[in-house]
Amino acid sequence: MPEFLSLSLPEPGLDRWLQSLPADRRPAVEHVPTEGALGRVLANDVQAPHPLPPFARSTVDGYAVRAADTFGASPSLPAYLHVIGEVRMGEEPALRIEVGQAALIHTGGTVPPGSDAVVMLEDTQTMSEGEVEVLRPCGVGENILQQGEDVQENEIVITAGCRLRPQEIGGLMALGITQVPVAARPRVGILSSGDEIVPPDQELGPAQVRDVNSYSLGALVAQLGGEPILRGIISDNFEALAAAARISHEEDDLVVITAGSSVSARDITSEVIASLGEPGILVHGLAIKPGKPTILAVADAKPVVGLPGNPVSALVAGRLVLTPTMRYLLGVSQEDWQPQIKARLSTNVASETGRQDYQPVRLQRREGQLLAEPVYGRSNLIFTLVRADGLILIPPEATGLPAGQEVDVFLF
């Protein structure tokens, strides 16, 4: 098999691959405590069991009043109201506001019957016990959160496919929803191949390097919401790699194989991937740097990815490929926006037309300006990325970017 069947630009290549996966796939569902559901993907719509707020509440410290009783009030001509009592926090009001009356109320207190506004304490003045001056008029509904103003009873408040953020966790708890149905974490089998690769806890022998890809890609999978299944280090041997890949294909939702750096190792990987099922390899090589030897395949309705062996290439291409794949496997229906920040290039950056380059950069502030400084290093040097804060993208039609140009830095 040739090294590359044909290079594809990332967007059309990924689209073709993802569109070849079953459109009707539904992730398995599990129920988890809401307090531990941060970052999980909601499996079913959430319907409000009651309105929120559940009762009309004051937003300020002040006096519950009838708005009409304050019309025309001013410091020179205040409205005089009779104070009939106090609304105690956490209790149903035991009083009703009638014409010319007011009740002391605190922030969050239940607005008593008969009242349709709350005048701020700062806009009042106590004249004598049981009487208060109102120094400015209040409109109907002023300083009151109405029942259901945030959420109506039976309203769909969070839709399936939403990745839960801190605000969703808070909203669910406000509604008393302490258990939520979420998509089960997809199992992602990660196979690292190479005769020179040894486990991280092993002393290095001659011509050996420690396994980086299993752990960097495993961390990426976990960050994206999946469950990394580290399948170990497999030698550059077709039978051994094929056997391990078949087990992963049977047990996992996604198979990821990182190949050795030699052409022969990549050929073995592509042959193994092609043997797993139909339709097989759909993209054999992406027009990107780093990460050109990326393989995208579908084997009997399951996605299979072949990534380069060099750690930088594997992680950069892995992020590009695994991000939309995990969205698919989790049933995410909303866009996950990657954090990015604008900066100006500190120096010229070269590129070649026809491919999409991802250049690591570090961010630095100089004289009040945020600069993106390129971090150069070969694709087998993982600390190239450790020293960087993010990546900039150089489009395939460009021959590079000039110093001083504003760029989007995609943060790790």
Protein backbone atom coordinates (compact mmCIF):
# COMPACT_ATOMS: atom_id res chain seq x y z
CA MET A 1 0.00 0.00 0.00
CA PRO A 2 1.44 3.44 -0.83
CA GLU A 3 2.31 5.80 2.01
CA PHE A 4 -0.59 8.13 1.15
CA LEU A 5 -3.52 7.38 -1.12
CA SER A 6 -4.40 11.08 -1.41
CA LEU A 7 -4.00 14.06 0.85
CA SER A 8 -7.22 15.69 1.93
CA LEU A 9 -7.70 19.10 3.49
CA PRO A 10 -8.98 18.73 7.06
CA GLU A 11 -12.51 20.09 6.70
CA PRO A 12 -13.65 18.07 3.67
CA GLY A 13 -11.76 15.01 4.92
CA LEU A 14 -13.37 15.14 8.36
CA ASP A 15 -16.81 15.85 6.87
CA ARG A 16 -16.58 12.85 4.56
CA TRP A 17 -15.47 10.62 7.41
CA LEU A 18 -18.06 11.77 9.95
CA GLN A 19 -20.87 11.56 7.40
CA SER A 20 -19.95 7.90 6.88
CA LEU A 21 -20.76 7.10 10.51
CA PRO A 22 -24.31 6.04 11.48
CA ALA A 23 -26.48 9.13 11.81
CA ASP A 24 -28.91 7.40 14.19
CA ARG A 25 -26.36 6.42 16.83
CA ARG A 26 -27.54 7.07 20.38
CA PRO A 27 -25.10 6.93 23.28
CA ALA A 28 -25.78 4.72 26.27
CA VAL A 29 -27.36 6.58 29.19
CA GLU A 30 -26.40 6.59 32.86
CA HIS A 31 -27.72 8.56 35.80
CA VAL A 32 -25.22 10.50 37.91
CA PRO A 33 -25.47 12.95 40.82
CA THR A 34 -25.91 16.47 39.50
CA GLU A 35 -23.09 17.78 41.68
CA GLY A 36 -20.66 15.49 39.83
CA ALA A 37 -22.04 16.05 36.33
CA LEU A 38 -19.81 18.96 35.29
CA GLY A 39 -18.71 18.48 31.69
CA ARG A 40 -21.05 15.54 31.09
CA VAL A 41 -23.48 15.58 28.16
CA LEU A 42 -27.17 15.60 29.00
CA ALA A 43 -28.96 12.59 27.50
CA ASN A 44 -32.58 13.77 27.83
CA ASP A 45 -34.36 17.12 27.97
CA VAL A 46 -34.87 18.55 31.47
CA GLN A 47 -38.34 19.91 32.26
CA ALA A 48 -38.88 22.32 35.14
CA PRO A 49 -40.98 20.63 37.88
CA HIS A 50 -42.04 24.04 39.24
CA PRO A 51 -41.63 27.73 38.41
CA LEU A 52 -38.48 29.59 39.32
CA PRO A 53 -38.61 31.68 41.42
CA PRO A 54 -41.36 29.62 43.05
CA PHE A 55 -42.84 32.80 44.57
CA ALA A 56 -42.58 36.57 44.05
CA ARG A 57 -39.43 37.83 45.82
CA SER A 58 -37.97 41.19 46.72
CA THR A 59 -34.67 42.07 45.07
CA VAL A 60 -33.80 44.76 47.67
CA ASP A 61 -34.07 45.64 51.32
CA GLY A 62 -36.98 48.02 51.72
CA TYR A 63 -40.75 48.18 52.09
CA ALA A 64 -43.43 46.19 50.29
CA VAL A 65 -46.04 48.69 49.10
CA ARG A 66 -48.87 49.34 46.68
CA ALA A 67 -47.21 51.24 43.82
CA ALA A 68 -50.22 53.55 43.51
CA ASP A 69 -49.61 54.78 47.07
CA THR A 70 -46.17 56.14 46.05
CA PHE A 71 -47.16 57.98 42.86
CA GLY A 72 -46.03 61.61 42.98
CA ALA A 73 -43.78 61.09 46.00
CA SER A 74 -40.66 63.28 46.25
CA PRO A 75 -38.25 64.48 48.97
CA SER A 76 -40.24 67.72 49.24
CA LEU A 77 -43.61 65.97 49.17
CA PRO A 78 -43.18 62.40 50.47
CA ALA A 79 -45.85 59.74 50.66
CA TYR A 80 -46.66 58.68 54.23
CA LEU A 81 -47.38 54.97 54.78
CA HIS A 82 -48.33 53.02 57.86
CA VAL A 83 -45.92 50.14 58.58
CA ILE A 84 -47.98 47.11 59.64
CA GLY A 85 -45.17 44.65 60.25
CA GLU A 86 -42.17 42.77 58.85
CA VAL A 87 -41.91 39.95 56.31
CA ARG A 88 -39.67 37.34 57.92
CA MET A 89 -37.22 35.43 55.74
CA GLY A 90 -38.19 31.85 54.99
CA GLU A 91 -41.78 32.33 56.15
CA GLU A 92 -45.07 32.84 54.37
CA PRO A 93 -46.24 36.44 55.00
CA ALA A 94 -48.89 36.61 57.70
CA LEU A 95 -50.09 40.06 56.62
CA ARG A 96 -51.72 41.78 53.65
CA ILE A 97 -50.93 45.24 52.30
CA GLU A 98 -53.95 47.50 52.05
CA VAL A 99 -54.27 51.13 50.91
CA GLY A 100 -51.76 53.36 52.68
CA GLN A 101 -49.83 50.48 54.24
CA ALA A 102 -46.29 49.08 53.94
CA ALA A 103 -44.30 46.16 55.40
CA LEU A 104 -40.59 45.93 56.03
CA ILE A 105 -39.04 43.33 53.68
CA HIS A 106 -35.53 41.99 53.09
CA THR A 107 -33.76 40.89 49.91
CA GLY A 108 -35.19 37.52 48.88
CA GLY A 109 -38.26 37.86 51.07
CA THR A 110 -41.71 36.80 49.86
CA VAL A 111 -43.73 39.75 48.56
CA PRO A 112 -46.93 39.82 50.67
CA PRO A 113 -50.45 39.80 49.21
CA GLY A 114 -51.76 43.21 48.18
CA SER A 115 -48.26 44.54 47.43
CA ASP A 116 -47.13 45.09 43.83
CA ALA A 117 -43.82 46.93 44.37
CA VAL A 118 -40.93 47.29 46.80
CA VAL A 119 -39.43 50.68 47.57
CA MET A 120 -35.73 50.65 48.40
CA LEU A 121 -34.72 51.38 51.97
CA GLU A 122 -32.51 54.22 50.69
CA ASP A 123 -35.59 55.92 49.24
CA THR A 124 -37.42 56.01 52.56
CA GLN A 125 -37.12 57.75 55.89
CA THR A 126 -38.56 56.59 59.21
CA MET A 127 -40.51 59.37 60.88
CA SER A 128 -41.88 57.61 63.95
CA GLU A 129 -42.64 54.08 65.03
CA GLY A 130 -45.13 52.59 62.62
CA GLU A 131 -44.77 55.28 59.93
CA VAL A 132 -42.40 55.69 56.98
CA GLU A 133 -41.87 58.42 54.41
CA VAL A 134 -41.43 57.34 50.77
CA LEU A 135 -39.25 59.86 48.92
CA ARG A 136 -39.69 58.66 45.32
CA PRO A 137 -42.40 56.87 43.36
CA CYS A 138 -42.29 53.12 42.56
CA GLY A 139 -43.62 51.51 39.40
CA VAL A 140 -45.72 48.37 39.45
CA GLY A 141 -43.40 45.35 39.73
CA GLU A 142 -40.37 47.45 40.68
CA ASN A 143 -37.74 45.56 42.71
CA ILE A 144 -39.72 42.32 42.50
CA LEU A 145 -38.79 39.00 40.89
CA GLN A 146 -42.11 37.59 39.77
CA GLN A 147 -43.03 33.94 40.18
CA GLY A 148 -41.77 32.03 37.13
CA GLU A 149 -39.82 35.03 35.80
CA ASP A 150 -36.76 32.81 35.28
CA VAL A 151 -38.42 29.49 34.44
CA GLN A 152 -42.05 28.48 33.95
CA GLU A 153 -43.41 25.19 35.26
CA ASN A 154 -43.03 22.36 32.68
CA GLU A 155 -40.71 24.50 30.55
CA ILE A 156 -37.84 22.66 28.83
CA VAL A 157 -34.91 24.38 30.52
CA ILE A 158 -31.94 22.31 29.23
CA THR A 159 -32.04 20.28 26.05
CA ALA A 160 -30.47 16.90 25.37
CA GLY A 161 -26.97 17.14 23.96
CA CYS A 162 -25.94 20.06 26.16
CA ARG A 163 -22.53 19.78 27.83
CA LEU A 164 -23.19 20.76 31.43
CA ARG A 165 -21.37 23.86 32.68
CA PRO A 166 -21.34 25.33 36.20
CA GLN A 167 -24.44 27.41 35.39
CA GLU A 168 -26.41 24.34 34.30
CA ILE A 169 -25.40 22.54 37.51
CA GLY A 170 -26.66 25.50 39.53
CA GLY A 171 -29.90 25.71 37.56
CA LEU A 172 -30.62 22.00 38.05
CA MET A 173 -30.01 22.29 41.77
CA ALA A 174 -32.33 25.32 41.96
CA LEU A 175 -35.05 23.07 40.57
CA GLY A 176 -34.26 20.29 43.03
CA ILE A 177 -32.94 17.96 40.31
CA THR A 178 -30.16 16.07 42.07
CA GLN A 179 -29.77 13.23 39.54
CA VAL A 180 -29.38 13.70 35.79
CA PRO A 181 -29.31 11.33 32.80
CA VAL A 182 -26.07 11.76 30.87
CA ALA A 183 -24.37 10.08 27.94
CA ALA A 184 -22.05 7.32 29.09
CA ARG A 185 -18.40 8.13 28.47
CA PRO A 186 -17.39 6.59 25.14
CA ARG A 187 -14.65 3.98 25.44
CA VAL A 188 -11.65 4.97 23.34
CA GLY A 189 -9.11 2.24 22.79
CA ILE A 190 -5.59 3.65 22.39
CA LEU A 191 -2.93 1.41 20.87
CA SER A 192 0.67 2.58 20.75
CA SER A 193 2.88 0.71 18.31
CA GLY A 194 6.63 0.70 17.88
CA ASP A 195 9.50 -1.67 18.64
CA GLU A 196 11.41 1.17 20.28
CA ILE A 197 8.60 2.17 22.67
CA VAL A 198 8.71 1.18 26.36
CA PRO A 199 6.43 2.02 29.31
CA PRO A 200 7.12 5.30 31.18
CA ASP A 201 8.18 3.47 34.38
CA GLN A 202 10.85 1.44 32.61
CA GLU A 203 14.51 2.36 32.43
CA LEU A 204 15.58 3.19 28.90
CA GLY A 205 17.82 0.83 26.99
CA PRO A 206 19.77 1.64 23.84
CA ALA A 207 17.58 3.21 21.11
CA GLN A 208 14.47 3.15 23.30
CA VAL A 209 11.99 5.93 24.12
CA ARG A 210 9.14 6.02 26.62
CA ASP A 211 5.51 5.87 25.56
CA VAL A 212 4.14 9.41 25.33
CA ASN A 213 1.18 9.04 22.99
CA SER A 214 -0.90 6.65 25.11
CA TYR A 215 -0.92 9.14 27.94
CA SER A 216 -1.17 12.44 26.09
CA LEU A 217 -3.97 11.09 23.89
CA GLY A 218 -5.59 9.44 26.91
CA ALA A 219 -5.61 12.79 28.70
CA LEU A 220 -7.08 14.43 25.60
CA VAL A 221 -9.84 11.81 25.42
CA ALA A 222 -10.66 12.36 29.10
CA GLN A 223 -10.70 16.14 28.56
CA LEU A 224 -13.17 15.67 25.71
CA GLY A 225 -15.48 13.51 27.85
CA GLY A 226 -14.39 9.99 26.97
CA GLU A 227 -12.95 7.03 28.84
CA PRO A 228 -9.44 6.22 27.60
CA ILE A 229 -8.68 2.50 27.44
CA LEU A 230 -4.92 2.11 27.17
CA ARG A 231 -4.36 -1.06 25.15
CA GLY A 232 -0.62 -1.12 25.67
CA ILE A 233 2.41 -1.06 23.43
CA ILE A 234 2.34 -3.34 20.41
CA SER A 235 5.33 -4.27 18.29
CA ASP A 236 5.61 -3.30 14.62
CA ASN A 237 4.14 -6.62 13.57
CA PHE A 238 0.97 -7.09 11.54
CA GLU A 239 -0.38 -10.09 13.45
CA ALA A 240 0.24 -8.56 16.89
CA LEU A 241 -1.22 -5.18 15.98
CA ALA A 242 -4.19 -6.73 14.15
CA ALA A 243 -5.04 -8.92 17.15
CA ALA A 244 -4.95 -5.97 19.55
CA ALA A 245 -6.93 -3.78 17.15
CA ARG A 246 -9.64 -6.43 16.76
CA ILE A 247 -10.11 -6.63 20.54
CA SER A 248 -10.38 -2.85 20.76
CA HIS A 249 -12.78 -2.78 17.80
CA GLU A 250 -15.05 -5.31 19.55
CA GLU A 251 -14.99 -3.66 22.99
CA ASP A 252 -14.50 0.08 22.40
CA ASP A 253 -16.51 2.82 20.71
CA LEU A 254 -13.50 4.30 18.95
CA VAL A 255 -10.13 2.80 18.03
CA VAL A 256 -7.02 5.01 17.93
CA ILE A 257 -3.70 3.61 16.75
CA THR A 258 -0.48 5.59 16.86
CA ALA A 259 2.09 4.22 14.47
CA GLY A 260 5.86 4.19 14.60
CA SER A 261 7.75 6.83 12.68
CA SER A 262 8.96 4.55 9.87
CA VAL A 263 7.12 4.15 6.58
CA SER A 264 6.91 0.40 7.12
CA ALA A 265 5.22 0.92 10.48
CA ARG A 266 2.66 3.25 8.89
CA ASP A 267 2.01 0.69 6.16
CA ILE A 268 1.33 -1.98 8.82
CA THR A 269 -1.07 0.37 10.59
CA SER A 270 -3.02 1.15 7.41
CA GLU A 271 -3.23 -2.56 6.55
CA VAL A 272 -4.49 -3.39 10.05
CA ILE A 273 -7.09 -0.62 9.93
CA ALA A 274 -8.25 -1.74 6.48
CA SER A 275 -8.72 -5.29 7.81
CA LEU A 276 -11.10 -4.30 10.61
CA GLY A 277 -14.25 -3.90 8.52
CA GLU A 278 -16.12 -2.05 5.80
CA PRO A 279 -16.02 0.49 4.26
CA GLY A 280 -12.48 0.82 5.61
CA ILE A 281 -10.09 3.71 5.05
CA LEU A 282 -11.81 6.87 3.81
CA VAL A 283 -9.00 9.40 4.30
CA HIS A 284 -5.35 8.39 4.02
CA GLY A 285 -3.33 11.48 4.81
CA LEU A 286 -4.35 15.02 5.76
CA ALA A 287 -2.82 18.14 4.22
CA ILE A 288 -1.72 19.45 7.61
CA LYS A 289 1.52 20.04 9.44
CA PRO A 290 2.14 18.42 11.81
CA GLY A 291 0.03 15.28 11.39
CA LYS A 292 0.11 14.45 7.67
CA PRO A 293 0.08 10.62 8.10
CA THR A 294 -3.38 10.64 9.71
CA ILE A 295 -5.80 7.88 8.69
CA LEU A 296 -9.58 8.10 9.07
CA ALA A 297 -11.62 4.94 8.66
CA VAL A 298 -14.96 3.39 9.45
CA ALA A 299 -15.03 -0.33 10.26
CA ASP A 300 -18.50 -1.84 10.52
CA ALA A 301 -20.05 1.45 11.74
CA LYS A 302 -17.24 2.21 14.23
CA PRO A 303 -14.74 5.05 13.77
CA VAL A 304 -11.06 4.12 13.57
CA VAL A 305 -8.20 6.63 13.60
CA GLY A 306 -4.56 6.15 12.72
CA LEU A 307 -2.28 8.87 14.07
CA PRO A 308 1.41 9.60 13.51
CA GLY A 309 3.88 8.25 16.04
CA ASN A 310 5.65 11.54 16.73
CA PRO A 311 4.15 12.98 19.95
CA VAL A 312 3.54 16.53 18.67
CA SER A 313 1.99 15.27 15.44
CA ALA A 314 -0.15 12.75 17.33
CA LEU A 315 -1.48 15.33 19.78
CA VAL A 316 -2.11 18.13 17.27
CA ALA A 317 -3.78 15.82 14.75
CA GLY A 318 -5.51 13.98 17.59
CA ARG A 319 -7.11 17.18 18.86
CA LEU A 320 -8.25 18.08 15.34
CA VAL A 321 -9.78 14.65 14.72
CA LEU A 322 -10.96 13.51 18.14
CA THR A 323 -12.81 16.72 19.05
CA PRO A 324 -15.62 16.26 16.48
CA THR A 325 -15.53 12.48 16.92
CA MET A 326 -16.18 12.71 20.65
CA ARG A 327 -18.99 15.17 19.99
CA TYR A 328 -20.54 12.56 17.70
CA LEU A 329 -20.11 9.70 20.17
CA LEU A 330 -21.52 11.75 23.06
CA GLY A 331 -24.45 13.14 21.09
CA VAL A 332 -23.43 16.75 21.67
CA SER A 333 -25.97 18.99 19.92
CA GLN A 334 -24.45 22.38 20.72
CA GLU A 335 -21.21 23.90 19.56
CA ASP A 336 -18.24 23.50 21.90
CA TRP A 337 -16.34 26.73 21.44
CA GLN A 338 -12.59 26.31 21.75
CA PRO A 339 -11.11 29.10 23.87
CA GLN A 340 -9.12 31.50 21.74
CA ILE A 341 -7.48 34.87 22.14
CA LYS A 342 -6.25 37.47 19.67
CA ALA A 343 -2.57 38.39 19.62
CA ARG A 344 0.00 39.79 17.21
CA LEU A 345 2.79 37.69 15.77
CA SER A 346 6.17 38.62 17.17
CA THR A 347 7.99 37.46 14.05
CA ASN A 348 7.41 36.13 10.54
CA VAL A 349 6.12 32.55 10.27
CA ALA A 350 6.81 30.55 7.11
CA SER A 351 4.48 27.99 5.57
CA GLU A 352 3.83 26.08 2.34
CA THR A 353 0.77 26.50 0.20
CA GLY A 354 -1.57 23.56 -0.14
CA ARG A 355 -1.47 22.48 3.48
CA GLN A 356 -2.91 23.75 6.75
CA ASP A 357 -0.17 24.48 9.28
CA TYR A 358 -0.61 24.48 13.05
CA GLN A 359 2.17 26.50 14.66
CA PRO A 360 2.68 26.34 18.45
CA VAL A 361 3.05 29.76 20.08
CA ARG A 362 3.59 31.15 23.55
CA LEU A 363 1.84 34.31 24.68
CA GLN A 364 3.81 37.22 26.09
CA ARG A 365 2.93 40.80 27.02
CA ARG A 366 5.34 43.49 25.91
CA GLU A 367 4.69 47.19 26.31
CA GLY A 368 0.99 46.57 26.79
CA GLN A 369 0.65 44.41 23.68
CA LEU A 370 -0.13 40.68 23.62
CA LEU A 371 2.31 38.87 21.34
CA ALA A 372 2.27 35.34 19.94
CA GLU A 373 5.83 34.07 19.80
CA PRO A 374 6.38 30.92 17.69
CA VAL A 375 7.77 27.87 19.50
CA TYR A 376 9.81 25.83 17.06
CA GLY A 377 10.70 22.18 17.45
CA ARG A 378 10.50 18.90 15.63
CA SER A 379 7.33 16.84 15.80
CA ASN A 380 8.96 14.20 18.00
CA LEU A 381 9.73 16.71 20.77
CA ILE A 382 6.78 16.82 23.16
CA PHE A 383 8.13 19.79 25.12
CA THR A 384 7.58 21.91 22.04
CA LEU A 385 3.92 21.85 23.07
CA VAL A 386 4.68 22.05 26.79
CA ARG A 387 6.40 25.40 26.18
CA ALA A 388 3.44 26.68 24.14
CA ASP A 389 0.14 28.24 25.23
CA GLY A 390 -1.76 27.42 22.05
CA LEU A 391 -1.73 27.02 18.28
CA ILE A 392 -2.21 29.40 15.40
CA LEU A 393 -3.61 28.17 12.11
CA ILE A 394 -1.98 29.12 8.83
CA PRO A 395 -4.46 28.55 5.98
CA PRO A 396 -3.48 26.39 2.98
CA GLU A 397 -3.53 29.31 0.54
CA ALA A 398 -0.91 31.26 2.53
CA THR A 399 2.86 31.08 2.22
CA GLY A 400 3.22 32.30 5.79
CA LEU A 401 2.19 35.13 8.08
CA PRO A 402 4.08 38.39 8.63
CA ALA A 403 5.25 39.79 11.94
CA GLY A 404 2.67 42.12 13.48
CA GLN A 405 -0.35 40.38 11.94
CA GLU A 406 -3.24 39.78 14.31
CA VAL A 407 -3.91 36.06 14.74
CA ASP A 408 -6.31 33.84 16.66
CA VAL A 409 -4.48 31.71 19.21
CA PHE A 410 -6.39 28.51 19.98
CA LEU A 411 -5.62 27.80 23.61
CA PHE A 412 -4.82 24.32 24.87
